[in-house]
Amino acid sequence: MIHHLGIVVADFMRSKALFDACLAPLGIRRTETDMDWAIYGGENGQPFLWLGSEIPTYWRTSNMVGNAPIHIAFMAPNRHAVDAFYYAALEFGAEDHGAPGLRQTCGHSYSAYIIDLDGNNIEATIQEK
């Protein structure tokens, strides 16, 4: 289980809109926002994703926006949510990196992949038998 993730983005307002739109079908909502950071949590309200425009002081100086892309996989409640995640992300400027469909990596899953505005590989998935 993931406790939390942090992503630094180049255009905070555009990225916040993208994540608001594509995470909503997965039951993930923005719980807090300030000038430079947005915090997202699930149904239990536990924050687990920090999205911001300022490089944290604890990062190495070589870790700049888009210089150290990451992969995040969000668990979806059903196939419809995976589809909604994917199409909302594309509508808000994300790049297609794998349309919704069956995958046989890590067992059988129905997944979709996008590249966000800063080059991060973001996935929505539901594990199937």
N, C-alpha and C. Protein backbone atom coordinates (compact mmCIF):
# COMPACT_ATOMS: atom_id res chain seq x y z
N MET A 1 0.84 -1.18 0.00
CA MET A 1 0.00 0.00 0.00
C MET A 1 0.89 1.25 0.00
N ILE A 2 0.45 2.24 -0.72
CA ILE A 2 1.21 3.49 -0.79
C ILE A 2 0.71 4.44 0.29
N HIS A 3 1.63 5.03 1.04
CA HIS A 3 1.26 6.01 2.05
C HIS A 3 0.98 7.36 1.42
N HIS A 4 1.94 7.87 0.64
CA HIS A 4 1.70 9.09 -0.12
C HIS A 4 2.74 9.26 -1.22
N LEU A 5 2.39 10.08 -2.19
CA LEU A 5 3.26 10.42 -3.32
C LEU A 5 3.27 11.92 -3.48
N GLY A 6 4.37 12.44 -4.00
CA GLY A 6 4.45 13.86 -4.31
C GLY A 6 4.93 14.04 -5.73
N ILE A 7 4.27 14.92 -6.47
CA ILE A 7 4.66 15.21 -7.84
C ILE A 7 4.83 16.71 -7.97
N VAL A 8 5.95 17.14 -8.52
CA VAL A 8 6.16 18.55 -8.81
C VAL A 8 5.84 18.78 -10.28
N VAL A 9 5.04 19.80 -10.55
CA VAL A 9 4.56 20.06 -11.90
C VAL A 9 4.98 21.45 -12.36
N ALA A 10 5.07 21.62 -13.67
CA ALA A 10 5.49 22.89 -14.24
C ALA A 10 4.36 23.92 -14.25
N ASP A 11 3.15 23.49 -14.56
CA ASP A 11 2.00 24.39 -14.64
C ASP A 11 0.95 23.90 -13.65
N PHE A 12 0.98 24.47 -12.46
CA PHE A 12 0.14 24.00 -11.36
C PHE A 12 -1.35 24.05 -11.70
N MET A 13 -1.83 25.13 -12.26
CA MET A 13 -3.26 25.27 -12.54
C MET A 13 -3.75 24.24 -13.56
N ARG A 14 -2.98 24.05 -14.65
CA ARG A 14 -3.37 23.05 -15.65
C ARG A 14 -3.31 21.64 -15.08
N SER A 15 -2.26 21.34 -14.33
CA SER A 15 -2.11 20.00 -13.75
C SER A 15 -3.19 19.72 -12.72
N LYS A 16 -3.51 20.72 -11.91
CA LYS A 16 -4.57 20.55 -10.92
C LYS A 16 -5.90 20.24 -11.62
N ALA A 17 -6.21 20.94 -12.70
CA ALA A 17 -7.44 20.68 -13.45
C ALA A 17 -7.43 19.27 -14.03
N LEU A 18 -6.29 18.84 -14.58
CA LEU A 18 -6.19 17.49 -15.14
C LEU A 18 -6.41 16.44 -14.06
N PHE A 19 -5.73 16.56 -12.92
CA PHE A 19 -5.87 15.56 -11.86
C PHE A 19 -7.26 15.60 -11.23
N ASP A 20 -7.85 16.79 -11.06
CA ASP A 20 -9.23 16.88 -10.57
C ASP A 20 -10.15 16.06 -11.47
N ALA A 21 -10.01 16.25 -12.79
CA ALA A 21 -10.92 15.61 -13.74
C ALA A 21 -10.71 14.10 -13.85
N CYS A 22 -9.47 13.66 -13.98
CA CYS A 22 -9.26 12.23 -14.24
C CYS A 22 -9.28 11.38 -12.97
N LEU A 23 -9.06 11.96 -11.78
CA LEU A 23 -9.11 11.18 -10.55
C LEU A 23 -10.51 11.08 -9.97
N ALA A 24 -11.40 12.01 -10.32
CA ALA A 24 -12.76 11.98 -9.78
C ALA A 24 -13.48 10.66 -10.06
N PRO A 25 -13.39 10.08 -11.28
CA PRO A 25 -14.08 8.80 -11.51
C PRO A 25 -13.54 7.66 -10.65
N LEU A 26 -12.34 7.84 -10.10
CA LEU A 26 -11.74 6.80 -9.26
C LEU A 26 -12.07 7.01 -7.78
N GLY A 27 -12.88 8.03 -7.48
CA GLY A 27 -13.25 8.31 -6.09
C GLY A 27 -12.18 9.09 -5.34
N ILE A 28 -11.28 9.72 -6.06
CA ILE A 28 -10.20 10.49 -5.44
C ILE A 28 -10.49 11.97 -5.65
N ARG A 29 -10.52 12.71 -4.57
CA ARG A 29 -10.89 14.13 -4.61
C ARG A 29 -9.79 15.00 -4.01
N ARG A 30 -9.73 16.23 -4.50
CA ARG A 30 -8.81 17.21 -3.91
C ARG A 30 -9.39 17.61 -2.55
N THR A 31 -8.59 17.48 -1.50
CA THR A 31 -9.06 17.77 -0.16
C THR A 31 -8.52 19.10 0.36
N GLU A 32 -7.41 19.57 -0.18
CA GLU A 32 -6.82 20.84 0.24
C GLU A 32 -6.12 21.48 -0.94
N THR A 33 -6.05 22.80 -0.91
CA THR A 33 -5.32 23.54 -1.93
C THR A 33 -4.76 24.80 -1.28
N ASP A 34 -3.52 25.11 -1.61
CA ASP A 34 -2.99 26.42 -1.26
C ASP A 34 -2.40 27.02 -2.53
N MET A 35 -1.55 28.00 -2.41
CA MET A 35 -1.00 28.69 -3.58
C MET A 35 -0.19 27.78 -4.48
N ASP A 36 0.54 26.82 -3.90
CA ASP A 36 1.49 26.01 -4.66
C ASP A 36 1.24 24.51 -4.62
N TRP A 37 0.32 24.04 -3.78
CA TRP A 37 0.13 22.61 -3.61
C TRP A 37 -1.35 22.24 -3.56
N ALA A 38 -1.67 21.07 -4.07
CA ALA A 38 -3.00 20.48 -3.93
C ALA A 38 -2.81 19.10 -3.32
N ILE A 39 -3.70 18.72 -2.42
CA ILE A 39 -3.61 17.43 -1.76
C ILE A 39 -4.87 16.64 -2.10
N TYR A 40 -4.68 15.37 -2.47
CA TYR A 40 -5.78 14.49 -2.87
C TYR A 40 -5.89 13.32 -1.91
N GLY A 41 -7.13 12.88 -1.67
CA GLY A 41 -7.37 11.73 -0.81
C GLY A 41 -8.53 10.91 -1.32
N GLY A 42 -8.67 9.72 -0.75
CA GLY A 42 -9.74 8.81 -1.15
C GLY A 42 -10.95 8.96 -0.25
N GLU A 43 -11.78 7.93 -0.24
CA GLU A 43 -13.03 7.97 0.52
C GLU A 43 -12.82 8.18 2.01
N ASN A 44 -11.73 7.63 2.54
CA ASN A 44 -11.48 7.77 3.98
C ASN A 44 -10.88 9.13 4.34
N GLY A 45 -10.60 9.96 3.35
CA GLY A 45 -10.05 11.29 3.60
C GLY A 45 -8.56 11.32 3.83
N GLN A 46 -7.92 10.15 3.91
CA GLN A 46 -6.47 10.08 4.12
C GLN A 46 -5.75 10.68 2.91
N PRO A 47 -4.99 11.75 3.10
CA PRO A 47 -4.26 12.32 1.96
C PRO A 47 -3.13 11.39 1.52
N PHE A 48 -2.97 11.24 0.20
CA PHE A 48 -1.90 10.38 -0.28
C PHE A 48 -1.20 10.91 -1.52
N LEU A 49 -1.72 11.97 -2.13
CA LEU A 49 -1.07 12.53 -3.30
C LEU A 49 -0.93 14.03 -3.12
N TRP A 50 0.31 14.50 -3.20
CA TRP A 50 0.61 15.92 -3.15
C TRP A 50 1.04 16.35 -4.54
N LEU A 51 0.44 17.41 -5.05
CA LEU A 51 0.74 17.93 -6.38
C LEU A 51 1.14 19.39 -6.19
N GLY A 52 2.34 19.74 -6.62
CA GLY A 52 2.78 21.10 -6.37
C GLY A 52 3.68 21.68 -7.44
N SER A 53 3.90 22.97 -7.33
CA SER A 53 4.72 23.67 -8.31
C SER A 53 6.07 24.10 -7.76
N GLU A 54 6.34 23.83 -6.50
CA GLU A 54 7.61 24.20 -5.90
C GLU A 54 8.44 22.94 -5.63
N ILE A 55 9.72 22.99 -5.95
CA ILE A 55 10.62 21.86 -5.69
C ILE A 55 10.86 21.79 -4.17
N PRO A 56 10.52 20.66 -3.54
CA PRO A 56 10.74 20.55 -2.09
C PRO A 56 12.23 20.63 -1.74
N THR A 57 12.53 21.17 -0.59
CA THR A 57 13.92 21.33 -0.18
C THR A 57 14.62 19.99 0.03
N TYR A 58 13.87 18.92 0.28
CA TYR A 58 14.50 17.62 0.53
C TYR A 58 14.79 16.85 -0.76
N TRP A 59 14.43 17.39 -1.94
CA TRP A 59 14.80 16.76 -3.20
C TRP A 59 16.23 17.13 -3.55
N ARG A 60 16.89 16.25 -4.27
CA ARG A 60 18.22 16.58 -4.79
C ARG A 60 18.07 17.69 -5.82
N THR A 61 19.09 18.49 -5.99
CA THR A 61 19.01 19.60 -6.92
C THR A 61 18.84 19.14 -8.36
N SER A 62 19.24 17.90 -8.69
CA SER A 62 19.08 17.40 -10.05
C SER A 62 17.64 16.98 -10.35
N ASN A 63 16.81 16.84 -9.33
CA ASN A 63 15.40 16.45 -9.53
C ASN A 63 14.57 17.68 -9.86
N MET A 64 14.42 17.94 -11.13
CA MET A 64 13.62 19.07 -11.58
C MET A 64 12.35 18.54 -12.23
N VAL A 65 11.38 19.41 -12.44
CA VAL A 65 10.13 19.03 -13.08
C VAL A 65 10.43 18.32 -14.39
N GLY A 66 9.83 17.14 -14.60
CA GLY A 66 10.00 16.39 -15.83
C GLY A 66 11.33 15.68 -15.96
N ASN A 67 12.25 15.87 -15.01
CA ASN A 67 13.58 15.27 -15.08
C ASN A 67 13.60 13.88 -14.45
N ALA A 68 12.67 13.60 -13.59
CA ALA A 68 12.61 12.30 -12.92
C ALA A 68 11.17 11.79 -12.96
N PRO A 69 10.65 11.49 -14.17
CA PRO A 69 9.26 11.05 -14.26
C PRO A 69 9.00 9.80 -13.41
N ILE A 70 7.78 9.68 -12.96
CA ILE A 70 7.40 8.54 -12.12
C ILE A 70 6.20 7.82 -12.73
N HIS A 71 5.90 6.66 -12.20
CA HIS A 71 4.72 5.90 -12.57
C HIS A 71 3.85 5.78 -11.33
N ILE A 72 2.56 6.12 -11.48
CA ILE A 72 1.59 5.95 -10.40
C ILE A 72 0.43 5.15 -10.96
N ALA A 73 0.02 4.12 -10.23
CA ALA A 73 -1.16 3.35 -10.62
C ALA A 73 -2.23 3.54 -9.55
N PHE A 74 -3.40 4.01 -9.98
CA PHE A 74 -4.53 4.19 -9.08
C PHE A 74 -5.51 3.04 -9.29
N MET A 75 -6.00 2.47 -8.19
CA MET A 75 -6.98 1.39 -8.25
C MET A 75 -8.35 1.97 -8.57
N ALA A 76 -9.00 1.43 -9.57
CA ALA A 76 -10.33 1.87 -9.98
C ALA A 76 -11.38 0.91 -9.44
N PRO A 77 -12.61 1.40 -9.20
CA PRO A 77 -13.65 0.51 -8.70
C PRO A 77 -14.26 -0.39 -9.78
N ASN A 78 -14.14 0.02 -11.06
CA ASN A 78 -14.73 -0.77 -12.14
C ASN A 78 -14.17 -0.29 -13.48
N ARG A 79 -14.54 -0.99 -14.54
CA ARG A 79 -14.05 -0.63 -15.88
C ARG A 79 -14.52 0.76 -16.31
N HIS A 80 -15.75 1.10 -15.97
CA HIS A 80 -16.27 2.41 -16.34
C HIS A 80 -15.39 3.53 -15.77
N ALA A 81 -14.93 3.37 -14.55
CA ALA A 81 -14.07 4.38 -13.93
C ALA A 81 -12.72 4.48 -14.65
N VAL A 82 -12.18 3.33 -15.09
CA VAL A 82 -10.93 3.34 -15.87
C VAL A 82 -11.14 4.13 -17.15
N ASP A 83 -12.24 3.86 -17.84
CA ASP A 83 -12.54 4.59 -19.08
C ASP A 83 -12.69 6.08 -18.81
N ALA A 84 -13.44 6.44 -17.77
CA ALA A 84 -13.68 7.86 -17.45
C ALA A 84 -12.38 8.57 -17.08
N PHE A 85 -11.50 7.91 -16.33
CA PHE A 85 -10.17 8.45 -16.01
C PHE A 85 -9.43 8.80 -17.29
N TYR A 86 -9.37 7.86 -18.20
CA TYR A 86 -8.61 8.01 -19.44
C TYR A 86 -9.13 9.17 -20.29
N TYR A 87 -10.44 9.21 -20.53
CA TYR A 87 -10.99 10.23 -21.40
C TYR A 87 -10.96 11.62 -20.75
N ALA A 88 -11.14 11.70 -19.45
CA ALA A 88 -11.01 12.99 -18.77
C ALA A 88 -9.57 13.50 -18.86
N ALA A 89 -8.61 12.62 -18.69
CA ALA A 89 -7.20 13.03 -18.79
C ALA A 89 -6.88 13.56 -20.17
N LEU A 90 -7.32 12.86 -21.21
CA LEU A 90 -7.06 13.32 -22.58
C LEU A 90 -7.71 14.68 -22.83
N GLU A 91 -8.92 14.86 -22.31
CA GLU A 91 -9.62 16.13 -22.50
C GLU A 91 -8.87 17.29 -21.87
N PHE A 92 -8.13 17.03 -20.80
CA PHE A 92 -7.40 18.07 -20.10
C PHE A 92 -5.93 18.15 -20.51
N GLY A 93 -5.58 17.54 -21.64
CA GLY A 93 -4.25 17.74 -22.20
C GLY A 93 -3.24 16.64 -21.99
N ALA A 94 -3.62 15.54 -21.34
CA ALA A 94 -2.70 14.42 -21.17
C ALA A 94 -2.51 13.70 -22.50
N GLU A 95 -1.43 12.96 -22.59
CA GLU A 95 -1.10 12.20 -23.80
C GLU A 95 -1.52 10.74 -23.61
N ASP A 96 -2.07 10.14 -24.64
CA ASP A 96 -2.42 8.72 -24.62
C ASP A 96 -1.15 7.89 -24.48
N HIS A 97 -1.18 6.93 -23.55
CA HIS A 97 -0.05 6.02 -23.39
C HIS A 97 -0.53 4.58 -23.28
N GLY A 98 -1.79 4.35 -23.61
CA GLY A 98 -2.39 3.02 -23.57
C GLY A 98 -3.86 3.12 -23.29
N ALA A 99 -4.67 2.99 -24.32
CA ALA A 99 -6.12 3.11 -24.18
C ALA A 99 -6.66 2.04 -23.23
N PRO A 100 -7.83 2.27 -22.65
CA PRO A 100 -8.42 1.27 -21.75
C PRO A 100 -8.54 -0.09 -22.44
N GLY A 101 -8.15 -1.11 -21.71
CA GLY A 101 -8.23 -2.45 -22.26
C GLY A 101 -7.67 -3.49 -21.30
N LEU A 102 -7.82 -4.74 -21.69
CA LEU A 102 -7.30 -5.86 -20.89
C LEU A 102 -5.79 -5.92 -21.00
N ARG A 103 -5.13 -6.16 -19.90
CA ARG A 103 -3.68 -6.31 -19.85
C ARG A 103 -3.36 -7.62 -19.15
N GLN A 104 -2.25 -8.22 -19.51
CA GLN A 104 -1.86 -9.46 -18.85
C GLN A 104 -0.55 -9.32 -18.10
N THR A 105 -0.17 -8.09 -17.80
CA THR A 105 0.98 -7.86 -16.93
C THR A 105 0.48 -7.87 -15.50
N CYS A 106 1.21 -8.47 -14.62
CA CYS A 106 0.82 -8.57 -13.20
C CYS A 106 -0.56 -9.22 -13.07
N GLY A 107 -0.78 -10.32 -13.73
CA GLY A 107 -2.07 -10.98 -13.70
C GLY A 107 -2.97 -10.41 -14.79
N HIS A 108 -4.25 -10.48 -14.60
CA HIS A 108 -5.21 -9.96 -15.57
C HIS A 108 -5.81 -8.67 -15.00
N SER A 109 -5.72 -7.61 -15.77
CA SER A 109 -6.29 -6.35 -15.32
C SER A 109 -6.88 -5.60 -16.51
N TYR A 110 -7.73 -4.65 -16.18
CA TYR A 110 -8.28 -3.72 -17.17
C TYR A 110 -7.68 -2.38 -16.79
N SER A 111 -6.87 -1.82 -17.67
CA SER A 111 -6.09 -0.64 -17.33
C SER A 111 -6.08 0.37 -18.47
N ALA A 112 -5.75 1.61 -18.11
CA ALA A 112 -5.51 2.69 -19.07
C ALA A 112 -4.32 3.49 -18.57
N TYR A 113 -3.55 4.02 -19.52
CA TYR A 113 -2.34 4.77 -19.18
C TYR A 113 -2.34 6.12 -19.89
N ILE A 114 -1.89 7.14 -19.18
CA ILE A 114 -1.71 8.46 -19.77
C ILE A 114 -0.34 8.99 -19.36
N ILE A 115 0.16 9.92 -20.14
CA ILE A 115 1.34 10.69 -19.75
C ILE A 115 0.82 12.07 -19.36
N ASP A 116 1.07 12.48 -18.12
CA ASP A 116 0.53 13.76 -17.67
C ASP A 116 1.31 14.92 -18.30
N LEU A 117 0.99 16.12 -17.91
CA LEU A 117 1.57 17.32 -18.52
C LEU A 117 3.07 17.47 -18.27
N ASP A 118 3.62 16.69 -17.32
CA ASP A 118 5.03 16.77 -16.99
C ASP A 118 5.79 15.49 -17.26
N GLY A 119 5.20 14.58 -18.05
CA GLY A 119 5.90 13.38 -18.47
C GLY A 119 5.77 12.19 -17.54
N ASN A 120 4.91 12.27 -16.53
CA ASN A 120 4.70 11.15 -15.62
C ASN A 120 3.71 10.16 -16.21
N ASN A 121 3.97 8.87 -16.03
CA ASN A 121 3.12 7.79 -16.52
C ASN A 121 2.08 7.47 -15.44
N ILE A 122 0.82 7.81 -15.72
CA ILE A 122 -0.25 7.63 -14.74
C ILE A 122 -1.20 6.55 -15.26
N GLU A 123 -1.57 5.64 -14.38
CA GLU A 123 -2.40 4.49 -14.75
C GLU A 123 -3.63 4.42 -13.85
N ALA A 124 -4.74 3.97 -14.41
CA ALA A 124 -5.91 3.55 -13.64
C ALA A 124 -6.13 2.09 -13.98
N THR A 125 -6.40 1.26 -12.97
CA THR A 125 -6.48 -0.17 -13.19
C THR A 125 -7.46 -0.84 -12.25
N ILE A 126 -8.03 -1.92 -12.73
CA ILE A 126 -8.84 -2.79 -11.88
C ILE A 126 -8.37 -4.22 -12.13
N GLN A 127 -8.03 -4.90 -11.06
CA GLN A 127 -7.56 -6.28 -11.15
C GLN A 127 -8.74 -7.19 -11.41
N GLU A 128 -8.62 -8.06 -12.41
CA GLU A 128 -9.70 -8.98 -12.73
C GLU A 128 -9.19 -10.40 -12.65
N LYS A 129 -10.08 -11.33 -12.49
CA LYS A 129 -9.69 -12.74 -12.38
C LYS A 129 -9.34 -13.31 -13.72
